[in-house]
Structure formats: structure tokens, C-alpha cells
Amino acid sequence: MFDPKDYIRTVPDWPKPGVQFRDITTLLSNGPVFRQLIDTFIDRYQPVGLDAVVGIDARGFILGAPLAYQLGLAFVPVRKQGKLPFDTFEEAYELEYGEAILQVHADALDPGQRVLVIDDLVATGGTLMAACKLVQRLGADVHECAAIVDLPALGGSQAVLDAGFGFHALCQYEGD
């Protein structure tokens, strides 16, 4: 069975002392493993009947675009503020050091579309929750949120579940 943890590098004390950073670049740089990663998500979402994959800036793009391509679905980028050239909706969310804003094009999804929201990792859940709110503001339905890595001790996956969204991660790191 595929375990992404076998390919994720842990970088201690980055970006600050005490943080164990989970670096997925080592997973992505191995072609056969990257294919297996995407195939694992395809196996889960192919039978679901989705209309689009929403990828969160920036590492969610790396997962969402090939997943949408393989499933024959639309790919919708949710970007950091100021990166989209057309009319947008925006959603603010909290970071440990302040606030940030995500945006999506106002015409990116149609009402009633079923979407998957994907990112590389969920920690506190702020980014994922902001993306889900943007999907809802467009009238679409979040089928599920997905990530490679869940850090459940930071509460993000539970916050997503408590908000009524499904959540799936391929692996967890406890206590980090």
C-alpha cells in the first residue's frame, strides 16, 4: 500500500524553532511516486461524479491540475489576493501571524456543481475553510476536501469536519 510518509522529508526547526516542516517536494520529485500519489486520489474520486477540482494556491495546483485532467474535470484555481485578472470573490482567513485573503473568479463554478477542494497539507484549516466558503459563495457544493498530509493536533481537519465538509488525507503526523 502506498504511504506518502515514506517519501516526505521532515525539516526540523523550519521556518522557526520547534516546527517540524513536512516537505512534499521529495515526494513530487520522484516521478513514479508522484504518479502513484495522483492515482491514489483518482481511485478515490473517479466514481464520485464530480464536476470540478478546486486547487488552492500554490501546492494545491500541483495536485489538483493533474487530478482534474485525469478525471476529465474542470480545474479551478483559488489564488492569493491580487493574482486573478477578472472579477473575483474573496475570503479572508487567519494565519498565525495575521490575515490573508484568497480569491476565485466570479464565474469559475456554476450553482450546483459538485467539487473537490484540494491542498497539500491541512494544519489549522484556515486556508481550506476559506476555499470552501468561496465555493459555496459561487453556489457550488463541496463534495469533500482532500490533502496529502493532515496535522490533526493543529485542529484543521476537525474544523473542516465540524463545518460540515468531508475530509480525506492520505497520511497524518500526530503531535506536530
Protein backbone atom coordinates (compact mmCIF):
# COMPACT_ATOMS: atom_id res chain seq x y z
CA MET A 1 0.00 0.00 0.00
CA PHE A 2 1.23 3.48 -0.89
CA ASP A 3 2.31 5.56 2.12
CA PRO A 4 3.28 9.14 1.27
CA LYS A 5 5.17 9.40 4.57
CA ASP A 6 7.82 7.14 3.04
CA TYR A 7 8.65 9.98 0.63
CA ILE A 8 8.03 13.16 2.66
CA ARG A 9 11.05 14.84 4.17
CA THR A 10 10.78 16.34 7.65
CA VAL A 11 12.79 19.52 8.08
CA PRO A 12 13.25 20.32 11.78
CA ASP A 13 13.04 23.86 13.09
CA TRP A 14 11.77 25.42 9.84
CA PRO A 15 10.52 28.08 9.35
CA LYS A 16 11.08 28.62 13.08
CA PRO A 17 12.40 26.65 16.06
CA GLY A 18 10.11 23.84 17.18
CA VAL A 19 8.32 23.40 13.86
CA GLN A 20 8.65 20.08 12.05
CA PHE A 21 8.07 21.10 8.41
CA ARG A 22 6.64 18.37 6.18
CA ASP A 23 8.30 18.86 2.80
CA ILE A 24 6.42 17.21 -0.07
CA THR A 25 8.98 18.24 -2.70
CA THR A 26 10.79 14.94 -2.17
CA LEU A 27 7.56 13.09 -2.98
CA LEU A 28 6.92 15.22 -6.08
CA SER A 29 10.47 14.87 -7.41
CA ASN A 30 10.10 11.09 -7.76
CA GLY A 31 8.13 10.56 -10.99
CA PRO A 32 6.74 7.07 -10.26
CA VAL A 33 5.79 8.11 -6.72
CA PHE A 34 4.11 11.31 -7.93
CA ARG A 35 2.11 9.20 -10.40
CA GLN A 36 1.12 6.85 -7.58
CA LEU A 37 0.06 9.84 -5.47
CA ILE A 38 -2.22 11.18 -8.20
CA ASP A 39 -3.53 7.68 -8.97
CA THR A 40 -4.46 7.23 -5.31
CA PHE A 41 -6.63 10.35 -5.48
CA ILE A 42 -8.06 9.25 -8.86
CA ASP A 43 -9.11 5.89 -7.39
CA ARG A 44 -10.99 7.70 -4.62
CA TYR A 45 -12.71 10.37 -6.72
CA GLN A 46 -13.33 8.76 -10.11
CA PRO A 47 -16.58 7.03 -9.06
CA VAL A 48 -17.96 10.08 -7.23
CA GLY A 49 -19.37 12.12 -10.12
CA LEU A 50 -17.59 15.41 -9.57
CA ASP A 51 -17.74 18.44 -11.86
CA ALA A 52 -14.55 20.27 -10.88
CA VAL A 53 -11.42 20.18 -8.78
CA VAL A 54 -10.55 23.34 -6.83
CA GLY A 55 -6.84 23.66 -6.11
CA ILE A 56 -5.51 26.08 -3.51
CA ASP A 57 -2.55 28.33 -4.34
CA ALA A 58 0.09 27.06 -4.75
CA ARG A 59 0.74 23.42 -3.88
CA GLY A 60 -2.92 22.55 -4.38
CA PHE A 61 -2.34 23.39 -8.05
CA ILE A 62 0.33 20.67 -8.25
CA LEU A 63 -2.23 18.07 -7.12
CA GLY A 64 -5.45 19.48 -8.48
CA ALA A 65 -4.45 20.09 -12.09
CA PRO A 66 -3.29 16.55 -12.93
CA LEU A 67 -6.18 15.09 -10.95
CA ALA A 68 -8.72 17.19 -12.86
CA TYR A 69 -7.01 16.31 -16.14
CA GLN A 70 -7.11 12.57 -15.46
CA LEU A 71 -10.75 12.73 -14.35
CA GLY A 72 -11.77 14.92 -17.30
CA LEU A 73 -12.97 17.69 -14.97
CA ALA A 74 -12.62 21.45 -14.82
CA PHE A 75 -9.76 22.78 -12.72
CA VAL A 76 -10.45 25.93 -10.71
CA PRO A 77 -7.54 27.79 -9.11
CA VAL A 78 -8.16 29.57 -5.83
CA ARG A 79 -5.43 32.18 -5.64
CA LYS A 80 -3.82 34.50 -3.18
CA GLN A 81 -5.12 38.06 -3.37
CA GLY A 82 -4.21 40.07 -6.46
CA LYS A 83 -3.32 37.16 -8.74
CA LEU A 84 -6.55 36.81 -10.76
CA PRO A 85 -7.29 39.22 -13.63
CA PHE A 86 -11.11 39.13 -13.71
CA ASP A 87 -13.98 39.80 -11.28
CA THR A 88 -13.46 37.84 -8.09
CA PHE A 89 -14.98 36.80 -4.82
CA GLU A 90 -12.65 36.89 -1.87
CA GLU A 91 -12.49 35.33 1.56
CA ALA A 92 -10.23 36.38 4.43
CA TYR A 93 -8.75 33.82 6.80
CA GLU A 94 -6.48 33.84 9.81
CA LEU A 95 -2.82 32.96 9.80
CA GLU A 96 -0.71 32.56 12.91
CA TYR A 97 0.97 35.87 12.06
CA GLY A 98 -2.02 37.81 10.69
CA GLU A 99 -4.62 37.55 7.98
CA ALA A 100 -4.59 36.59 4.32
CA ILE A 101 -7.13 36.63 1.51
CA LEU A 102 -7.99 34.03 -1.11
CA GLN A 103 -9.81 34.83 -4.34
CA VAL A 104 -11.66 32.94 -7.06
CA HIS A 105 -13.04 34.18 -10.35
CA ALA A 106 -16.71 35.09 -10.03
CA ASP A 107 -17.60 32.80 -12.95
CA ALA A 108 -15.36 29.84 -12.01
CA LEU A 109 -18.16 27.47 -10.95
CA ASP A 110 -21.83 27.07 -11.68
CA PRO A 111 -24.50 26.64 -9.00
CA GLY A 112 -25.00 23.01 -8.05
CA GLN A 113 -21.66 21.77 -9.33
CA ARG A 114 -20.00 19.16 -7.11
CA VAL A 115 -16.38 19.92 -6.38
CA LEU A 116 -13.34 18.55 -4.62
CA VAL A 117 -11.18 21.11 -2.80
CA ILE A 118 -7.55 20.00 -2.57
CA ASP A 119 -4.34 21.23 -0.98
CA ASP A 120 -1.08 19.60 0.05
CA LEU A 121 -1.47 19.82 3.82
CA VAL A 122 -4.01 20.87 6.41
CA ALA A 123 -2.76 22.41 9.65
CA THR A 124 -5.17 24.90 11.27
CA GLY A 125 -7.61 24.63 8.36
CA GLY A 126 -7.92 28.35 7.66
CA THR A 127 -6.93 28.15 4.01
CA LEU A 128 -9.10 25.11 3.33
CA MET A 129 -12.11 26.67 5.05
CA ALA A 130 -11.70 29.92 3.09
CA ALA A 131 -11.63 27.97 -0.18
CA CYS A 132 -14.78 26.05 0.82
CA LYS A 133 -16.57 29.31 1.60
CA LEU A 134 -15.63 30.65 -1.83
CA VAL A 135 -17.02 27.51 -3.48
CA GLN A 136 -20.26 27.96 -1.55
CA ARG A 137 -20.49 31.64 -2.47
CA LEU A 138 -20.43 30.56 -6.12
CA GLY A 139 -23.36 28.24 -5.39
CA ALA A 140 -21.40 25.04 -5.86
CA ASP A 141 -21.26 22.14 -3.41
CA VAL A 142 -18.11 20.90 -1.71
CA HIS A 143 -18.16 17.12 -2.01
CA GLU A 144 -15.00 16.73 0.05
CA CYS A 145 -11.73 18.37 0.99
CA ALA A 146 -8.53 16.43 0.44
CA ALA A 147 -4.85 16.72 1.28
CA ILE A 148 -1.75 14.61 1.27
CA VAL A 149 -0.93 15.44 4.90
CA ASP A 150 -3.10 16.08 7.93
CA LEU A 151 -1.68 17.56 11.14
CA PRO A 152 -4.65 16.72 13.40
CA ALA A 153 -3.07 18.17 16.55
CA LEU A 154 -3.47 21.63 14.99
CA GLY A 155 -7.23 21.15 14.61
CA GLY A 156 -7.71 21.95 10.94
CA SER A 157 -9.22 18.69 9.77
CA GLN A 158 -11.61 18.71 12.72
CA ALA A 159 -12.64 22.28 11.92
CA VAL A 160 -13.38 21.24 8.34
CA LEU A 161 -15.47 18.31 9.58
CA ASP A 162 -17.24 20.48 12.17
CA ALA A 163 -18.19 22.90 9.38
CA GLY A 164 -19.99 20.04 7.63
CA PHE A 165 -17.45 19.27 4.92
CA GLY A 166 -15.99 15.85 4.28
CA PHE A 167 -12.25 15.47 4.69
CA HIS A 168 -9.72 12.92 3.47
CA ALA A 169 -5.94 12.86 3.89
CA LEU A 170 -3.52 10.23 2.72
CA CYS A 171 -1.43 10.41 5.90
CA GLN A 172 -1.23 12.05 9.31
CA TYR A 173 1.54 13.26 11.53
CA GLU A 174 0.41 13.14 15.15
CA GLY A 175 1.53 15.73 17.65
CA ASP A 176 3.12 18.04 15.10
